[in-house]
Amino acid sequence: MNKTDFKKTDPKLYKGKAGRFDVIDVSAMPFLMIDGKGNPNTSSEFVDAVSALYPLAYNIKFHSKIKLENDYVVPPLEGLWWADDMSAFCNDEKDEWQWTMMIRQPDWITADIVEQMKQQVLAKDAKKKESDLNHDVLAQIRFETYHEGLSVQVLHIGPYSEEGPILKQMHEQYIPDNGYTMTGKHHEIYLSDPRKTVPEKLKTILRQPVANV
């Protein structure tokens, strides 16, 4: 049985060089998505959202492997970030941040499969004596296609808190200097597991959808 790894089949989406801005065209892809608000470092809402995404994503993966005989590597966690007042975002006022956390899904996964796997996760969790899964949060996860199109991205290596200078360079220099204007939400793809990687070695794709001026 073949095992699809999107980081290998779509390398332009998950690779880059620190300090080098790449212009790519991102096609439409299906995702598990959940929205929230607040500081990701302190918000229980953020923890609950991520804690609900992963068991659902892995249940879908195992269903695909066993029932559909189509295996794949669960893709990395991704996040869209913004604020109603973007000055709060630029000034690092994290309590005002809004976010959508998401995990990419293969094209052969359907909404019916996602709903079926939600119910399976709930049934399994109900049998546990102790659980960190918030059932109401799991119910909020949606299955949706997201299309960014033309985008500028760069690889950041280091703590999330040190993304500011490279984002400033991207937004205020590279994008306008090359005839683009920003259109969509700030997008991050977390290539490293922060539980297993020291902050200075964390690898994150920073992406910004753009349009030609």
Foldseek 3Di string as FASTA:
>chain_A
DDAAECCVVVVVVPDAAAPDKDKDFFFKFKKWKFKDAAACVDDPLNVQLVQLQVQLQVLLQVCCCPVVVYHYDWFFKKKFKAAPPRVCVLVVVRGRMMMMIITTDDPPDDQVSSVVSLVVVVVVVVPDPDDPHDNVSNVRTHMDMDGQTIKMKHKDAFAPVPCNVVVCCVQVPVQVVVQKHFDDTWMKTWPDDPVPDPRRGTIMMIMTRIDGD
